[in-house]
Amino acid sequence: MSRQSNEPQYVLCVSNRGYPASLMVRRLYRRLADADAHERGLVRVVDESGDDYLYPEKLFVAVDLPRQVGRAFRAAR
């Protein structure tokens, strides 16, 4: 998940071990760029609370979405 960009990126939660109240398996989450977190094996995502937090990268898989889908997600906020 080392890709850094100005475009919002999304990750798919593949495990919520240790974070069952904050993350839902098989749900897409918006990933926010955070180079310091990445160096520590973490990823910053906007979780179920609506706020961004750091989680272990191993809980997610990066997902490339078509631009149209990303725009639709941003518009649905």
N, C-alpha and C. Protein backbone atom coordinates (compact mmCIF):
# COMPACT_ATOMS: atom_id res chain seq x y z
N MET A 1 0.81 -1.18 0.00
CA MET A 1 0.00 0.00 0.00
C MET A 1 0.86 1.25 0.00
N SER A 2 1.93 1.23 -0.74
CA SER A 2 2.85 2.35 -0.70
C SER A 2 2.47 3.48 -1.64
N ARG A 3 1.45 3.33 -2.44
CA ARG A 3 1.04 4.34 -3.40
C ARG A 3 0.59 5.61 -2.69
N GLN A 4 1.19 6.73 -3.04
CA GLN A 4 0.81 8.02 -2.46
C GLN A 4 0.24 8.87 -3.58
N SER A 5 -0.84 9.57 -3.34
CA SER A 5 -1.50 10.35 -4.37
C SER A 5 -2.38 11.40 -3.73
N ASN A 6 -2.73 12.42 -4.51
CA ASN A 6 -3.67 13.42 -4.03
C ASN A 6 -5.10 12.91 -4.14
N GLU A 7 -5.32 11.90 -4.97
CA GLU A 7 -6.64 11.31 -5.13
C GLU A 7 -6.97 10.47 -3.89
N PRO A 8 -8.21 10.51 -3.45
CA PRO A 8 -8.59 9.61 -2.35
C PRO A 8 -8.39 8.17 -2.79
N GLN A 9 -7.92 7.36 -1.89
CA GLN A 9 -7.72 5.96 -2.17
C GLN A 9 -8.60 5.16 -1.23
N TYR A 10 -8.85 3.95 -1.62
CA TYR A 10 -9.72 3.10 -0.82
C TYR A 10 -9.04 1.79 -0.52
N VAL A 11 -9.38 1.23 0.62
CA VAL A 11 -8.87 -0.07 1.02
C VAL A 11 -10.04 -0.94 1.43
N LEU A 12 -9.89 -2.23 1.24
CA LEU A 12 -10.90 -3.20 1.62
C LEU A 12 -10.46 -3.85 2.92
N CYS A 13 -11.31 -3.84 3.91
CA CYS A 13 -10.99 -4.48 5.19
C CYS A 13 -11.12 -6.00 5.03
N VAL A 14 -10.05 -6.72 5.29
CA VAL A 14 -10.08 -8.19 5.19
C VAL A 14 -10.05 -8.85 6.55
N SER A 15 -9.82 -8.06 7.60
CA SER A 15 -9.84 -8.57 8.98
C SER A 15 -10.07 -7.39 9.91
N ASN A 16 -10.89 -7.61 10.94
CA ASN A 16 -11.08 -6.55 11.94
C ASN A 16 -10.59 -7.02 13.31
N ARG A 17 -9.70 -7.99 13.30
CA ARG A 17 -9.17 -8.55 14.55
C ARG A 17 -8.60 -7.44 15.43
N GLY A 18 -9.15 -7.32 16.61
CA GLY A 18 -8.72 -6.31 17.55
C GLY A 18 -9.50 -5.00 17.45
N TYR A 19 -10.32 -4.88 16.38
CA TYR A 19 -11.06 -3.63 16.16
C TYR A 19 -12.50 -3.89 15.70
N PRO A 20 -13.21 -4.82 16.33
CA PRO A 20 -14.55 -5.19 15.82
C PRO A 20 -15.57 -4.06 15.87
N ALA A 21 -15.42 -3.10 16.76
CA ALA A 21 -16.38 -1.99 16.83
C ALA A 21 -16.07 -0.90 15.81
N SER A 22 -14.83 -0.88 15.31
CA SER A 22 -14.39 0.21 14.43
C SER A 22 -14.35 -0.16 12.95
N LEU A 23 -14.17 -1.46 12.66
CA LEU A 23 -14.00 -1.90 11.28
C LEU A 23 -14.94 -3.05 10.96
N MET A 24 -15.44 -3.05 9.74
CA MET A 24 -16.29 -4.15 9.28
C MET A 24 -15.58 -4.86 8.13
N VAL A 25 -15.46 -6.17 8.24
CA VAL A 25 -14.83 -6.98 7.20
C VAL A 25 -15.65 -6.86 5.92
N ARG A 26 -14.96 -6.82 4.78
CA ARG A 26 -15.53 -6.69 3.44
C ARG A 26 -16.11 -5.31 3.16
N ARG A 27 -15.76 -4.32 3.94
CA ARG A 27 -16.23 -2.96 3.70
C ARG A 27 -15.07 -2.12 3.15
N LEU A 28 -15.40 -1.22 2.23
CA LEU A 28 -14.41 -0.28 1.70
C LEU A 28 -14.28 0.91 2.64
N TYR A 29 -13.03 1.32 2.85
CA TYR A 29 -12.75 2.49 3.67
C TYR A 29 -11.87 3.45 2.90
N ARG A 30 -12.08 4.73 3.13
CA ARG A 30 -11.25 5.75 2.51
C ARG A 30 -9.91 5.79 3.22
N ARG A 31 -8.84 5.71 2.45
CA ARG A 31 -7.49 5.76 2.98
C ARG A 31 -6.96 7.16 2.81
N LEU A 32 -6.35 7.71 3.85
CA LEU A 32 -5.74 9.03 3.80
C LEU A 32 -4.22 8.87 3.76
N ALA A 33 -3.57 9.67 2.94
CA ALA A 33 -2.11 9.61 2.83
C ALA A 33 -1.47 9.95 4.17
N ASP A 34 -0.50 9.14 4.57
CA ASP A 34 0.24 9.36 5.81
C ASP A 34 1.55 8.58 5.71
N ALA A 35 2.58 9.24 5.19
CA ALA A 35 3.87 8.57 4.95
C ALA A 35 4.49 8.05 6.24
N ASP A 36 4.36 8.78 7.33
CA ASP A 36 4.92 8.32 8.61
C ASP A 36 4.26 7.03 9.06
N ALA A 37 2.95 6.96 8.92
CA ALA A 37 2.22 5.75 9.31
C ALA A 37 2.66 4.57 8.46
N HIS A 38 2.78 4.80 7.15
CA HIS A 38 3.18 3.72 6.23
C HIS A 38 4.54 3.14 6.64
N GLU A 39 5.47 4.00 7.01
CA GLU A 39 6.80 3.54 7.43
C GLU A 39 6.72 2.65 8.67
N ARG A 40 5.68 2.81 9.47
CA ARG A 40 5.49 2.01 10.69
C ARG A 40 4.56 0.83 10.47
N GLY A 41 4.17 0.57 9.19
CA GLY A 41 3.29 -0.57 8.91
C GLY A 41 1.83 -0.30 9.23
N LEU A 42 1.46 0.98 9.24
CA LEU A 42 0.10 1.37 9.57
C LEU A 42 -0.54 2.07 8.38
N VAL A 43 -1.86 2.15 8.40
CA VAL A 43 -2.60 2.86 7.38
C VAL A 43 -3.64 3.74 8.08
N ARG A 44 -3.83 4.95 7.58
CA ARG A 44 -4.81 5.87 8.16
C ARG A 44 -6.09 5.76 7.35
N VAL A 45 -7.19 5.36 8.01
CA VAL A 45 -8.47 5.22 7.32
C VAL A 45 -9.56 5.95 8.10
N VAL A 46 -10.60 6.33 7.36
CA VAL A 46 -11.80 6.89 7.98
C VAL A 46 -12.67 5.69 8.33
N ASP A 47 -12.82 5.42 9.63
CA ASP A 47 -13.51 4.20 10.07
C ASP A 47 -15.00 4.44 10.31
N GLU A 48 -15.64 3.51 10.99
CA GLU A 48 -17.08 3.56 11.23
C GLU A 48 -17.51 4.77 12.05
N SER A 49 -16.59 5.35 12.81
CA SER A 49 -16.92 6.54 13.61
C SER A 49 -17.00 7.79 12.75
N GLY A 50 -16.45 7.71 11.53
CA GLY A 50 -16.41 8.89 10.66
C GLY A 50 -15.14 9.70 10.83
N ASP A 51 -14.29 9.30 11.77
CA ASP A 51 -13.01 9.96 12.00
C ASP A 51 -11.90 9.08 11.45
N ASP A 52 -10.71 9.68 11.25
CA ASP A 52 -9.59 8.88 10.74
C ASP A 52 -8.70 8.41 11.89
N TYR A 53 -8.29 7.16 11.78
CA TYR A 53 -7.43 6.52 12.79
C TYR A 53 -6.41 5.65 12.09
N LEU A 54 -5.37 5.28 12.82
CA LEU A 54 -4.35 4.39 12.29
C LEU A 54 -4.67 2.95 12.65
N TYR A 55 -4.48 2.07 11.67
CA TYR A 55 -4.69 0.63 11.85
C TYR A 55 -3.55 -0.12 11.18
N PRO A 56 -3.29 -1.36 11.60
CA PRO A 56 -2.26 -2.16 10.93
C PRO A 56 -2.61 -2.37 9.45
N GLU A 57 -1.62 -2.18 8.56
CA GLU A 57 -1.85 -2.37 7.13
C GLU A 57 -2.34 -3.77 6.80
N LYS A 58 -1.93 -4.77 7.60
CA LYS A 58 -2.28 -6.16 7.29
C LYS A 58 -3.80 -6.41 7.37
N LEU A 59 -4.56 -5.47 7.91
CA LEU A 59 -6.01 -5.64 7.99
C LEU A 59 -6.71 -5.24 6.69
N PHE A 60 -5.96 -4.68 5.73
CA PHE A 60 -6.55 -4.12 4.52
C PHE A 60 -5.84 -4.56 3.26
N VAL A 61 -6.56 -4.46 2.15
CA VAL A 61 -6.00 -4.65 0.82
C VAL A 61 -6.36 -3.39 0.03
N ALA A 62 -5.36 -2.81 -0.66
CA ALA A 62 -5.60 -1.61 -1.46
C ALA A 62 -6.50 -1.95 -2.64
N VAL A 63 -7.40 -1.02 -2.98
CA VAL A 63 -8.35 -1.23 -4.07
C VAL A 63 -8.28 -0.02 -5.00
N ASP A 64 -8.08 -0.28 -6.29
CA ASP A 64 -8.13 0.78 -7.30
C ASP A 64 -9.55 0.83 -7.83
N LEU A 65 -10.18 1.98 -7.70
CA LEU A 65 -11.55 2.16 -8.18
C LEU A 65 -11.54 3.04 -9.43
N PRO A 66 -12.46 2.79 -10.35
CA PRO A 66 -12.59 3.71 -11.48
C PRO A 66 -12.90 5.12 -10.98
N ARG A 67 -12.44 6.14 -11.69
CA ARG A 67 -12.65 7.53 -11.28
C ARG A 67 -14.12 7.82 -11.00
N GLN A 68 -14.98 7.30 -11.83
CA GLN A 68 -16.42 7.57 -11.67
C GLN A 68 -16.93 7.05 -10.31
N VAL A 69 -16.44 5.90 -9.89
CA VAL A 69 -16.86 5.35 -8.60
C VAL A 69 -16.31 6.21 -7.47
N GLY A 70 -15.05 6.61 -7.56
CA GLY A 70 -14.47 7.49 -6.54
C GLY A 70 -15.22 8.80 -6.42
N ARG A 71 -15.60 9.39 -7.56
CA ARG A 71 -16.38 10.64 -7.53
C ARG A 71 -17.73 10.41 -6.87
N ALA A 72 -18.38 9.28 -7.18
CA ALA A 72 -19.69 8.98 -6.59
C ALA A 72 -19.56 8.82 -5.08
N PHE A 73 -18.50 8.16 -4.62
CA PHE A 73 -18.28 8.00 -3.17
C PHE A 73 -18.11 9.36 -2.50
N ARG A 74 -17.30 10.22 -3.10
CA ARG A 74 -17.06 11.54 -2.50
C ARG A 74 -18.34 12.37 -2.47
N ALA A 75 -19.14 12.26 -3.50
CA ALA A 75 -20.39 13.03 -3.57
C ALA A 75 -21.42 12.54 -2.56
N ALA A 76 -21.33 11.30 -2.14
CA ALA A 76 -22.31 10.70 -1.24
C ALA A 76 -22.07 11.03 0.23
N ARG A 77 -21.05 11.77 0.54
CA ARG A 77 -20.72 12.06 1.95
C ARG A 77 -21.86 12.63 2.66
